[in-house]
C-alpha atoms as a PDB file:
ATOM      1  CA  MET A   1      19.076  41.915  -7.805  1.00  0.00           C
ATOM      2  CA  HIS A   2      17.243  43.584 -10.302  1.00  0.00           C
ATOM      3  CA  ARG A   3      16.156  46.585 -10.530  1.00  0.00           C
ATOM      4  CA  LEU A   4      13.544  48.276 -12.604  1.00  0.00           C
ATOM      5  CA  ARG A   5      11.797  51.934 -12.434  1.00  0.00           C
ATOM      6  CA  ALA A   6       7.843  51.960 -13.195  1.00  0.00           C
ATOM      7  CA  THR A   7       6.365  54.833 -14.896  1.00  0.00           C
ATOM      8  CA  PRO A   8       2.968  56.906 -14.647  1.00  0.00           C
ATOM      9  CA  VAL A   9       0.387  56.153 -17.045  1.00  0.00           C
ATOM     10  CA  PRO A  10      -0.824  59.367 -18.869  1.00  0.00           C
ATOM     11  CA  GLY A  11      -4.002  60.173 -19.779  1.00  0.00           C
ATOM     12  CA  LEU A  12      -5.721  58.935 -16.801  1.00  0.00           C
ATOM     13  CA  PRO A  13      -7.234  61.065 -13.990  1.00  0.00           C
ATOM     14  CA  PRO A  14      -5.448  59.831 -10.511  1.00  0.00           C
ATOM     15  CA  ALA A  15      -7.637  57.775  -8.253  1.00  0.00           C
ATOM     16  CA  ARG A  16      -8.101  59.044  -4.606  1.00  0.00           C
ATOM     17  CA  HIS A  17      -7.648  55.474  -3.376  1.00  0.00           C
ATOM     18  CA  GLY A  18      -6.626  53.262  -6.497  1.00  0.00           C
ATOM     19  CA  GLU A  19      -6.473  49.865  -5.859  1.00  0.00           C
ATOM     20  CA  GLY A  20      -6.771  46.015  -7.167  1.00  0.00           C
ATOM     21  CA  PRO A  21      -5.596  46.157 -10.716  1.00  0.00           C
ATOM     22  CA  THR A  22      -6.884  42.715 -12.565  1.00  0.00           C
ATOM     23  CA  TRP A  23      -7.322  41.425 -16.295  1.00  0.00           C
ATOM     24  CA  ASP A  24      -9.979  40.773 -17.976  1.00  0.00           C
ATOM     25  CA  ALA A  25      -9.060  38.715 -20.752  1.00  0.00           C
ATOM     26  CA  GLY A  26     -12.830  38.314 -22.161  1.00  0.00           C
ATOM     27  CA  ARG A  27     -13.184  41.945 -22.737  1.00  0.00           C
ATOM     28  CA  ALA A  28      -9.147  42.959 -23.137  1.00  0.00           C
ATOM     29  CA  GLU A  29      -9.689  45.399 -20.478  1.00  0.00           C
ATOM     30  CA  LEU A  30      -7.470  46.338 -17.225  1.00  0.00           C
ATOM     31  CA  LEU A  31     -10.155  46.567 -14.448  1.00  0.00           C
ATOM     32  CA  TRP A  32      -9.128  48.519 -10.937  1.00  0.00           C
ATOM     33  CA  VAL A  33     -11.198  50.075  -8.254  1.00  0.00           C
ATOM     34  CA  ASP A  34     -11.011  53.549  -6.481  1.00  0.00           C
ATOM     35  CA  ILE A  35     -11.954  52.397  -3.238  1.00  0.00           C
ATOM     36  CA  ALA A  36     -13.035  55.776  -1.394  1.00  0.00           C
ATOM     37  CA  ALA A  37     -14.828  56.541  -4.390  1.00  0.00           C
ATOM     38  CA  GLY A  38     -16.778  53.708  -4.765  1.00  0.00           C
ATOM     39  CA  GLN A  39     -15.657  53.078  -8.433  1.00  0.00           C
ATOM     40  CA  VAL A  40     -14.840  50.333 -11.049  1.00  0.00           C
ATOM     41  CA  ARG A  41     -12.561  51.363 -13.599  1.00  0.00           C
ATOM     42  CA  ARG A  42     -11.720  50.245 -16.929  1.00  0.00           C
ATOM     43  CA  ALA A  43      -9.078  50.564 -19.508  1.00  0.00           C
ATOM     44  CA  ALA A  44      -8.062  49.057 -22.924  1.00  0.00           C
ATOM     45  CA  VAL A  45      -4.181  48.282 -23.496  1.00  0.00           C
ATOM     46  CA  GLY A  46      -2.611  49.534 -26.320  1.00  0.00           C
ATOM     47  CA  ALA A  47       0.031  47.548 -28.285  1.00  0.00           C
ATOM     48  CA  GLY A  48       2.860  49.478 -26.551  1.00  0.00           C
ATOM     49  CA  GLY A  49       1.249  49.285 -22.902  1.00  0.00           C
ATOM     50  CA  GLY A  50      -0.432  52.228 -22.866  1.00  0.00           C
ATOM     51  CA  LEU A  51      -3.786  52.803 -21.202  1.00  0.00           C
ATOM     52  CA  THR A  52      -7.079  54.374 -22.771  1.00  0.00           C
ATOM     53  CA  GLU A  53     -10.303  54.634 -20.532  1.00  0.00           C
ATOM     54  CA  THR A  54     -13.218  52.872 -21.658  1.00  0.00           C
ATOM     55  CA  GLY A  55     -15.469  53.196 -18.416  1.00  0.00           C
ATOM     56  CA  VAL A  56     -16.617  54.231 -14.845  1.00  0.00           C
ATOM     57  CA  HIS A  57     -19.113  52.610 -12.803  1.00  0.00           C
ATOM     58  CA  ARG A  58     -20.345  53.264  -9.442  1.00  0.00           C
ATOM     59  CA  GLY A  59     -20.287  50.188  -7.390  1.00  0.00           C
ATOM     60  CA  GLY A  60     -21.010  51.266  -3.700  1.00  0.00           C
ATOM     61  CA  ASP A  61     -20.031  53.618  -1.016  1.00  0.00           C
ATOM     62  CA  THR A  62     -16.698  51.542  -0.982  1.00  0.00           C
ATOM     63  CA  VAL A  63     -15.440  49.014  -3.636  1.00  0.00           C
ATOM     64  CA  GLY A  64     -12.616  46.810  -2.500  1.00  0.00           C
ATOM     65  CA  ALA A  65     -11.788  44.783  -5.710  1.00  0.00           C
ATOM     66  CA  VAL A  66     -13.304  43.758  -9.200  1.00  0.00           C
ATOM     67  CA  VAL A  67     -13.211  40.621 -10.925  1.00  0.00           C
ATOM     68  CA  PRO A  68     -14.852  39.459 -14.718  1.00  0.00           C
ATOM     69  CA  ALA A  69     -17.597  36.774 -14.298  1.00  0.00           C
ATOM     70  CA  ALA A  70     -18.225  34.188 -16.137  1.00  0.00           C
ATOM     71  CA  ASP A  71     -22.112  34.535 -16.462  1.00  0.00           C
ATOM     72  CA  GLY A  72     -21.619  38.478 -17.585  1.00  0.00           C
ATOM     73  CA  GLY A  73     -20.621  41.572 -16.095  1.00  0.00           C
ATOM     74  CA  TRP A  74     -18.344  41.682 -12.819  1.00  0.00           C
ATOM     75  CA  LEU A  75     -18.159  40.697  -9.302  1.00  0.00           C
ATOM     76  CA  LEU A  76     -17.430  43.140  -6.983  1.00  0.00           C
ATOM     77  CA  ALA A  77     -16.293  43.149  -3.142  1.00  0.00           C
ATOM     78  CA  ALA A  78     -17.894  46.277  -2.090  1.00  0.00           C
ATOM     79  CA  ASP A  79     -19.526  47.699   1.353  1.00  0.00           C
ATOM     80  CA  GLY A  80     -20.117  44.874   3.697  1.00  0.00           C
ATOM     81  CA  GLY A  81     -20.351  42.024   0.767  1.00  0.00           C
ATOM     82  CA  PHE A  82     -20.619  41.275  -2.831  1.00  0.00           C
ATOM     83  CA  THR A  83     -22.104  42.751  -5.594  1.00  0.00           C
ATOM     84  CA  HIS A  84     -22.983  42.206  -9.463  1.00  0.00           C
ATOM     85  CA  LEU A  85     -22.216  45.028 -11.435  1.00  0.00           C
ATOM     86  CA  ALA A  86     -23.748  44.485 -15.010  1.00  0.00           C
ATOM     87  CA  ALA A  87     -22.334  45.472 -18.392  1.00  0.00           C
ATOM     88  CA  ASP A  88     -24.425  48.507 -18.575  1.00  0.00           C
ATOM     89  CA  GLY A  89     -23.105  49.674 -15.280  1.00  0.00           C
ATOM     90  CA  THR A  90     -26.401  48.664 -12.591  1.00  0.00           C
ATOM     91  CA  ALA A  91     -25.304  47.623  -9.441  1.00  0.00           C
ATOM     92  CA  ARG A  92     -27.048  44.908  -7.594  1.00  0.00           C
ATOM     93  CA  VAL A  93     -26.049  43.938  -4.186  1.00  0.00           C
ATOM     94  CA  LEU A  94     -25.987  39.623  -4.163  1.00  0.00           C
ATOM     95  CA  VAL A  95     -25.439  39.640  -0.075  1.00  0.00           C
ATOM     96  CA  THR A  96     -24.102  41.911   2.707  1.00  0.00           C
ATOM     97  CA  LEU A  97     -22.298  39.378   5.158  1.00  0.00           C
ATOM     98  CA  ALA A  98     -23.011  38.994   8.631  1.00  0.00           C
ATOM     99  CA  GLY A  99     -20.930  41.087  10.939  1.00  0.00           C
ATOM    100  CA  GLU A 100     -19.527  43.345   8.007  1.00  0.00           C
ATOM    101  CA  GLY A 101     -19.999  46.841   6.571  1.00  0.00           C
ATOM    102  CA  GLY A 102     -21.655  50.024   8.411  1.00  0.00           C
ATOM    103  CA  SER A 103     -19.718  53.577   8.727  1.00  0.00           C
ATOM    104  CA  PRO A 104     -16.391  54.631  10.029  1.00  0.00           C
ATOM    105  CA  ASP A 105     -18.302  56.455  13.014  1.00  0.00           C
ATOM    106  CA  SER A 106     -20.137  53.144  14.283  1.00  0.00           C
ATOM    107  CA  GLY A 107     -16.725  51.420  14.281  1.00  0.00           C
ATOM    108  CA  GLY A 108     -18.138  49.515  10.700  1.00  0.00           C
ATOM    109  CA  THR A 109     -15.754  47.478   8.094  1.00  0.00           C
ATOM    110  CA  ARG A 110     -15.537  47.389   4.343  1.00  0.00           C
ATOM    111  CA  MET A 111     -14.356  44.996   1.868  1.00  0.00           C
ATOM    112  CA  ASN A 112     -11.085  44.861   0.980  1.00  0.00           C
ATOM    113  CA  ASP A 113      -8.503  43.101  -1.618  1.00  0.00           C
ATOM    114  CA  ALA A 114      -9.981  39.976  -3.291  1.00  0.00           C
ATOM    115  CA  ALA A 115      -9.277  37.513  -6.006  1.00  0.00           C
ATOM    116  CA  CYS A 116     -10.575  34.273  -7.848  1.00  0.00           C
ATOM    117  CA  ASP A 117      -8.629  30.974  -6.948  1.00  0.00           C
ATOM    118  CA  PRO A 118      -7.580  28.518 -10.494  1.00  0.00           C
ATOM    119  CA  ALA A 119     -11.318  27.209  -9.801  1.00  0.00           C
ATOM    120  CA  GLY A 120     -13.126  30.800 -10.203  1.00  0.00           C
ATOM    121  CA  ARG A 121     -14.002  30.812  -6.473  1.00  0.00           C
ATOM    122  CA  PHE A 122     -13.716  34.366  -5.120  1.00  0.00           C
ATOM    123  CA  LEU A 123     -11.703  34.846  -2.036  1.00  0.00           C
ATOM    124  CA  ALA A 124     -12.328  38.535  -0.298  1.00  0.00           C
ATOM    125  CA  GLY A 125     -11.107  39.904   3.020  1.00  0.00           C
ATOM    126  CA  THR A 126     -12.386  42.689   5.177  1.00  0.00           C
ATOM    127  CA  MET A 127     -11.077  45.189   7.290  1.00  0.00           C
ATOM    128  CA  ALA A 128     -12.138  48.016  10.028  1.00  0.00           C
ATOM    129  CA  PHE A 129     -12.238  51.558   8.950  1.00  0.00           C
ATOM    130  CA  ASP A 130     -10.043  52.279  11.623  1.00  0.00           C
ATOM    131  CA  GLU A 131      -7.818  49.417  10.887  1.00  0.00           C
ATOM    132  CA  ARG A 132      -8.149  47.917  14.370  1.00  0.00           C
ATOM    133  CA  PRO A 133      -6.925  44.405  15.408  1.00  0.00           C
ATOM    134  CA  GLY A 134      -8.481  41.616  14.699  1.00  0.00           C
ATOM    135  CA  ALA A 135     -11.608  42.675  12.633  1.00  0.00           C
ATOM    136  CA  GLY A 136     -10.276  41.411   9.532  1.00  0.00           C
ATOM    137  CA  THR A 137     -11.727  38.441   8.131  1.00  0.00           C
ATOM    138  CA  LEU A 138     -11.146  36.232   4.852  1.00  0.00           C
ATOM    139  CA  TYR A 139     -14.637  34.678   3.212  1.00  0.00           C
ATOM    140  CA  ARG A 140     -14.605  32.063  -0.022  1.00  0.00           C
ATOM    141  CA  LEU A 141     -17.630  32.875  -2.362  1.00  0.00           C
ATOM    142  CA  ASP A 142     -17.633  29.116  -3.736  1.00  0.00           C
ATOM    143  CA  LEU A 143     -19.144  27.838  -7.303  1.00  0.00           C
ATOM    144  CA  ASP A 144     -22.547  26.931  -5.739  1.00  0.00           C
ATOM    145  CA  GLY A 145     -22.940  30.111  -4.323  1.00  0.00           C
ATOM    146  CA  THR A 146     -21.991  29.720  -0.487  1.00  0.00           C
ATOM    147  CA  VAL A 147     -19.917  31.947   1.607  1.00  0.00           C
ATOM    148  CA  THR A 148     -17.816  30.428   4.245  1.00  0.00           C
ATOM    149  CA  THR A 149     -15.547  32.141   6.697  1.00  0.00           C
ATOM    150  CA  VAL A 150     -11.928  30.676   6.026  1.00  0.00           C
ATOM    151  CA  LEU A 151      -9.695  32.652   8.130  1.00  0.00           C
ATOM    152  CA  ASP A 152     -10.787  35.450  11.128  1.00  0.00           C
ATOM    153  CA  GLY A 153      -8.796  37.034  13.324  1.00  0.00           C
ATOM    154  CA  LEU A 154      -7.019  39.369  10.727  1.00  0.00           C
ATOM    155  CA  THR A 155      -6.267  43.269  10.775  1.00  0.00           C
ATOM    156  CA  VAL A 156      -6.277  44.504   7.163  1.00  0.00           C
ATOM    157  CA  SER A 157      -6.669  41.269   5.094  1.00  0.00           C
ATOM    158  CA  ASN A 158      -4.829  42.497   1.907  1.00  0.00           C
ATOM    159  CA  GLY A 159      -3.363  40.919  -1.233  1.00  0.00           C
ATOM    160  CA  VAL A 160      -4.060  37.412  -2.249  1.00  0.00           C
ATOM    161  CA  ASP A 161      -2.556  34.685  -5.137  1.00  0.00           C
ATOM    162  CA  TRP A 162      -1.920  31.494  -5.946  1.00  0.00           C
ATOM    163  CA  SER A 163       1.008  29.532  -6.820  1.00  0.00           C
ATOM    164  CA  PRO A 164       1.117  28.051 -10.641  1.00  0.00           C
ATOM    165  CA  ASP A 165       0.128  24.895  -9.356  1.00  0.00           C
ATOM    166  CA  GLY A 166      -2.596  25.979  -7.206  1.00  0.00           C
ATOM    167  CA  ARG A 167      -1.289  24.396  -4.088  1.00  0.00           C
ATOM    168  CA  THR A 168      -0.017  26.973  -2.124  1.00  0.00           C
ATOM    169  CA  VAL A 169      -1.824  30.871  -1.131  1.00  0.00           C
ATOM    170  CA  TYR A 170      -0.168  33.833  -0.355  1.00  0.00           C
ATOM    171  CA  LEU A 171      -1.983  36.291   1.891  1.00  0.00           C
ATOM    172  CA  ALA A 172      -1.287  39.774   3.274  1.00  0.00           C
ATOM    173  CA  ASP A 173      -2.277  40.985   6.491  1.00  0.00           C
ATOM    174  CA  SER A 174      -1.130  44.682   6.119  1.00  0.00           C
ATOM    175  CA  GLY A 175      -2.100  45.372   9.604  1.00  0.00           C
ATOM    176  CA  PRO A 176       1.059  43.264  11.328  1.00  0.00           C
ATOM    177  CA  GLY A 177       2.562  43.910   8.608  1.00  0.00           C
ATOM    178  CA  VAL A 178       3.130  40.009   7.108  1.00  0.00           C
ATOM    179  CA  VAL A 179       2.693  37.529   3.997  1.00  0.00           C
ATOM    180  CA  HIS A 180       1.342  34.680   4.676  1.00  0.00           C
ATOM    181  CA  ALA A 181       1.717  30.887   2.746  1.00  0.00           C
ATOM    182  CA  PHE A 182      -0.790  28.552   2.943  1.00  0.00           C
ATOM    183  CA  ALA A 183      -1.306  24.939   1.711  1.00  0.00           C
ATOM    184  CA  TYR A 184      -4.486  25.039  -0.683  1.00  0.00           C
ATOM    185  CA  ASP A 185      -6.473  22.587  -1.790  1.00  0.00           C
ATOM    186  CA  PRO A 186      -7.566  23.580  -5.187  1.00  0.00           C
ATOM    187  CA  ASP A 187     -10.770  20.867  -5.081  1.00  0.00           C
ATOM    188  CA  THR A 188     -11.896  22.238  -1.530  1.00  0.00           C
ATOM    189  CA  GLY A 189     -10.517  25.794  -1.529  1.00  0.00           C
ATOM    190  CA  ALA A 190      -9.597  24.825   2.059  1.00  0.00           C
ATOM    191  CA  PHE A 191      -6.121  26.226   3.908  1.00  0.00           C
ATOM    192  CA  SER A 192      -3.981  24.747   6.024  1.00  0.00           C
ATOM    193  CA  GLY A 193      -0.238  24.480   7.051  1.00  0.00           C
ATOM    194  CA  GLY A 194       0.053  28.074   7.474  1.00  0.00           C
ATOM    195  CA  ARG A 195       3.213  30.209   8.040  1.00  0.00           C
ATOM    196  CA  VAL A 196       4.479  33.763   7.985  1.00  0.00           C
ATOM    197  CA  LEU A 197       6.674  33.952   4.465  1.00  0.00           C
ATOM    198  CA  LEU A 198       7.619  37.521   4.589  1.00  0.00           C
ATOM    199  CA  GLU A 199       7.277  40.290   7.400  1.00  0.00           C
ATOM    200  CA  PHE A 200       7.807  43.944   7.285  1.00  0.00           C
ATOM    201  CA  ALA A 201       9.215  46.462   9.158  1.00  0.00           C
ATOM    202  CA  GLY A 202      10.573  49.992   9.366  1.00  0.00           C
ATOM    203  CA  ASP A 203      11.124  52.363   6.454  1.00  0.00           C
ATOM    204  CA  ASP A 204      10.443  49.536   4.000  1.00  0.00           C
ATOM    205  CA  GLY A 205       6.225  50.280   4.155  1.00  0.00           C
ATOM    206  CA  VAL A 206       4.292  47.098   4.579  1.00  0.00           C
ATOM    207  CA  ALA A 207       2.730  44.436   1.998  1.00  0.00           C
ATOM    208  CA  ASP A 208      -0.153  45.589   0.380  1.00  0.00           C
ATOM    209  CA  GLY A 209      -1.688  43.754  -2.747  1.00  0.00           C
ATOM    210  CA  LEU A 210       0.151  41.216  -4.631  1.00  0.00           C
ATOM    211  CA  THR A 211       0.329  38.978  -7.623  1.00  0.00           C
ATOM    212  CA  VAL A 212       2.431  35.588  -8.538  1.00  0.00           C
ATOM    213  CA  ASP A 213       3.812  35.272 -11.709  1.00  0.00           C
ATOM    214  CA  ASP A 214       4.166  32.432 -14.226  1.00  0.00           C
ATOM    215  CA  GLU A 215       7.763  31.589 -12.530  1.00  0.00           C
ATOM    216  CA  GLY A 216       6.584  31.160  -9.197  1.00  0.00           C
ATOM    217  CA  CYS A 217       7.593  34.534  -7.891  1.00  0.00           C
ATOM    218  CA  LEU A 218       5.657  36.361  -5.649  1.00  0.00           C
ATOM    219  CA  TRP A 219       5.539  40.224  -6.132  1.00  0.00           C
ATOM    220  CA  THR A 220       4.425  42.602  -3.427  1.00  0.00           C
ATOM    221  CA  ALA A 221       3.316  46.485  -3.559  1.00  0.00           C
ATOM    222  CA  LEU A 222       4.724  47.855  -0.221  1.00  0.00           C
ATOM    223  CA  TRP A 223       2.324  50.772   0.968  1.00  0.00           C
ATOM    224  CA  GLY A 224       4.588  53.672   2.436  1.00  0.00           C
ATOM    225  CA  GLY A 225       7.516  52.035   0.671  1.00  0.00           C
ATOM    226  CA  GLY A 226       6.845  53.327  -3.306  1.00  0.00           C
ATOM    227  CA  GLN A 227       8.116  50.001  -4.318  1.00  0.00           C
ATOM    228  CA  VAL A 228       6.983  46.472  -5.947  1.00  0.00           C
ATOM    229  CA  ARG A 229       9.276  43.747  -4.830  1.00  0.00           C
ATOM    230  CA  ARG A 230       9.555  40.405  -6.340  1.00  0.00           C
ATOM    231  CA  TRP A 231      10.206  37.110  -4.182  1.00  0.00           C
ATOM    232  CA  SER A 232      11.045  33.553  -4.791  1.00  0.00           C
ATOM    233  CA  PRO A 233       8.624  30.935  -3.374  1.00  0.00           C
ATOM    234  CA  ASP A 234      11.263  30.780  -0.351  1.00  0.00           C
ATOM    235  CA  GLY A 235      11.313  34.209   0.317  1.00  0.00           C
ATOM    236  CA  GLU A 236      14.382  35.676  -1.046  1.00  0.00           C
ATOM    237  CA  LEU A 237      14.270  38.952  -2.813  1.00  0.00           C
ATOM    238  CA  LEU A 238      15.021  38.895  -6.845  1.00  0.00           C
ATOM    239  CA  ALA A 239      13.724  42.366  -7.809  1.00  0.00           C
ATOM    240  CA  VAL A 240      12.805  45.641  -6.884  1.00  0.00           C
ATOM    241  CA  VAL A 241      10.164  48.084  -9.026  1.00  0.00           C
ATOM    242  CA  GLU A 242      10.932  51.500  -7.949  1.00  0.00           C
ATOM    243  CA  VAL A 243       7.524  53.634  -8.144  1.00  0.00           C
ATOM    244  CA  PRO A 244       9.279  57.097  -8.562  1.00  0.00           C
ATOM    245  CA  GLY A 245       7.763  60.003  -6.375  1.00  0.00           C
ATOM    246  CA  VAL A 246       4.741  57.681  -4.492  1.00  0.00           C
ATOM    247  CA  THR A 247       4.980  56.353  -1.259  1.00  0.00           C
ATOM    248  CA  GLN A 248       1.682  54.490  -1.341  1.00  0.00           C
ATOM    249  CA  THR A 249       2.280  51.821  -3.696  1.00  0.00           C
ATOM    250  CA  SER A 250      -1.271  49.829  -3.345  1.00  0.00           C
ATOM    251  CA  SER A 251      -1.273  46.712  -5.527  1.00  0.00           C
ATOM    252  CA  CYS A 252       0.096  45.385  -8.573  1.00  0.00           C
ATOM    253  CA  ALA A 253      -0.852  42.945 -11.734  1.00  0.00           C
ATOM    254  CA  PHE A 254       0.240  41.550 -14.943  1.00  0.00           C
ATOM    255  CA  ALA A 255      -2.182  42.612 -17.747  1.00  0.00           C
ATOM    256  CA  GLY A 256      -2.059  42.736 -21.864  1.00  0.00           C
ATOM    257  CA  PRO A 257      -2.725  40.342 -23.907  1.00  0.00           C
ATOM    258  CA  GLY A 258       0.493  39.024 -23.549  1.00  0.00           C
ATOM    259  CA  ARG A 259       0.015  39.514 -19.681  1.00  0.00           C
ATOM    260  CA  ASP A 260       3.319  40.803 -19.560  1.00  0.00           C
ATOM    261  CA  LEU A 261       2.912  44.575 -18.335  1.00  0.00           C
ATOM    262  CA  LEU A 262       3.039  45.084 -14.689  1.00  0.00           C
ATOM    263  CA  VAL A 263       0.487  47.631 -13.892  1.00  0.00           C
ATOM    264  CA  VAL A 264       0.963  48.873 -10.245  1.00  0.00           C
ATOM    265  CA  SER A 265      -1.789  51.116  -8.950  1.00  0.00           C
ATOM    266  CA  THR A 266      -1.240  53.998  -5.918  1.00  0.00           C
ATOM    267  CA  SER A 267      -3.218  55.788  -3.520  1.00  0.00           C
ATOM    268  CA  ALA A 268      -3.526  59.711  -2.127  1.00  0.00           C
ATOM    269  CA  GLU A 269      -5.326  58.412   0.561  1.00  0.00           C
ATOM    270  CA  GLY A 270      -4.867  60.092   3.985  1.00  0.00           C
ATOM    271  CA  LEU A 271      -2.179  62.391   2.496  1.00  0.00           C
ATOM    272  CA  ASP A 272      -2.321  66.171   3.714  1.00  0.00           C
ATOM    273  CA  ASP A 273      -1.995  68.950   1.393  1.00  0.00           C
ATOM    274  CA  ALA A 274       1.472  69.099   1.769  1.00  0.00           C
ATOM    275  CA  ALA A 275       2.128  65.405   0.798  1.00  0.00           C
ATOM    276  CA  ARG A 276       0.009  65.631  -2.325  1.00  0.00           C
ATOM    277  CA  ALA A 277       1.630  68.363  -3.099  1.00  0.00           C
ATOM    278  CA  ALA A 278       5.269  66.684  -3.067  1.00  0.00           C
ATOM    279  CA  GLN A 279       3.381  63.243  -4.386  1.00  0.00           C
ATOM    280  CA  PRO A 280       1.765  64.858  -7.792  1.00  0.00           C
ATOM    281  CA  ASP A 281       1.106  61.314  -8.932  1.00  0.00           C
ATOM    282  CA  ALA A 282      -0.166  59.750  -6.223  1.00  0.00           C
ATOM    283  CA  GLY A 283      -3.436  58.068  -7.316  1.00  0.00           C
ATOM    284  CA  ARG A 284      -1.891  57.144 -10.945  1.00  0.00           C
ATOM    285  CA  LEU A 285      -1.704  53.694 -12.561  1.00  0.00           C
ATOM    286  CA  PHE A 286       2.112  52.957 -12.890  1.00  0.00           C
ATOM    287  CA  THR A 287       3.673  50.152 -15.384  1.00  0.00           C
ATOM    288  CA  ALA A 288       6.625  48.615 -16.195  1.00  0.00           C
ATOM    289  CA  ARG A 289       8.027  45.517 -18.143  1.00  0.00           C
ATOM    290  CA  PRO A 290      10.240  42.942 -15.910  1.00  0.00           C
ATOM    291  CA  GLY A 291      10.511  40.462 -18.723  1.00  0.00           C
ATOM    292  CA  VAL A 292       8.108  37.727 -17.097  1.00  0.00           C
ATOM    293  CA  THR A 293       4.109  37.010 -17.703  1.00  0.00           C
ATOM    294  CA  GLY A 294       1.426  36.498 -15.148  1.00  0.00           C
ATOM    295  CA  PRO A 295      -1.243  33.773 -14.846  1.00  0.00           C
ATOM    296  CA  PRO A 296      -4.385  33.415 -16.925  1.00  0.00           C
ATOM    297  CA  ALA A 297      -6.788  36.099 -15.743  1.00  0.00           C
ATOM    298  CA  ARG A 298      -9.344  34.071 -13.302  1.00  0.00           C
ATOM    299  CA  PRO A 299     -12.923  35.061 -13.857  1.00  0.00           C
ATOM    300  CA  TYR A 300     -15.480  33.987 -11.146  1.00  0.00           C
ATOM    301  CA  ARG A 301     -17.233  31.077 -12.436  1.00  0.00           C
ATOM    302  CA  GLY A 302     -20.213  30.751  -9.679  1.00  0.00           C
ATOM    303  CA  PRO A 303     -23.349  31.801  -9.617  1.00  0.00           C
ATOM    304  CA  LEU A 304     -24.763  35.543  -9.399  1.00  0.00           C
ATOM    305  CA  THR A 305     -28.088  34.820  -7.811  1.00  0.00           C
ATOM    306  CA  GLU A 306     -28.746  33.269  -4.492  1.00  0.00           C
ATOM    307  CA  ILE A 307     -25.810  34.108  -2.717  1.00  0.00           C
ATOM    308  CA  VAL A 308     -25.758  32.216   0.856  1.00  0.00           C
ATOM    309  CA  GLN A 309     -23.717  32.711   3.898  1.00  0.00           C
ATOM    310  CA  HIS A 310     -22.606  29.489   6.139  1.00  0.00           C
END
């Protein structure tokens, strides 16, 4: 088994709840979010893999995920629905999903992790603020602007990505600590034939955000485990990337012009004062070069107006 060690990125202020790194090829920038601060953050990637922040934008009270939009700006999974963030930083709510939103005090939910499939559809999940079982849902925003419920009864709908041929989709549910694998129809976006590919328990942490490399292997960030792990499509553990001094590794993605820089987001959310003092790099981005590349960037290719929920 291969072992690597990630290093913290200098010069970037840490996030409170860093999540969702993704590569914006059109702007040659890394995107990621600070969920708790409601921020979208952007950075240029230097030739040596260094990151230079290029912008910070407010996208809502909470922002779970961001992807580039083919028609301009960025599409966000924010608060209880979808928001368009224009290049000038103006945020415009496209739709608030029925049954989603609210506050922690009201037993509400928020958008969590999300990604685009190879066709440009946007799949985004939700979770309850109190992480109660069954309150999470996975939605699909199609290329005609309609929103469809794909899966319900989840707990913490989390990382989602596809095999290189687009015919398998992986989805983490961090509540029960599992990663599902479903057959995927690239023409319709339909799921079928789900199975549990990975299960986590004990001191390993649980699968949070994830990505798939060009060899078809799955990379999972382990919340509570301070690691990213690489798995074969059959669930065999192939490599471990240690993220030193941080326990809450939240997501990972391949970035840079060659898509060979593994970027790992981390979080300080929920840490008490002693844990924060013991983990001064919590909330920072980390990077490693594992010797493989990630898939091409996938922008959202649907409309940015007239979004309708089925």
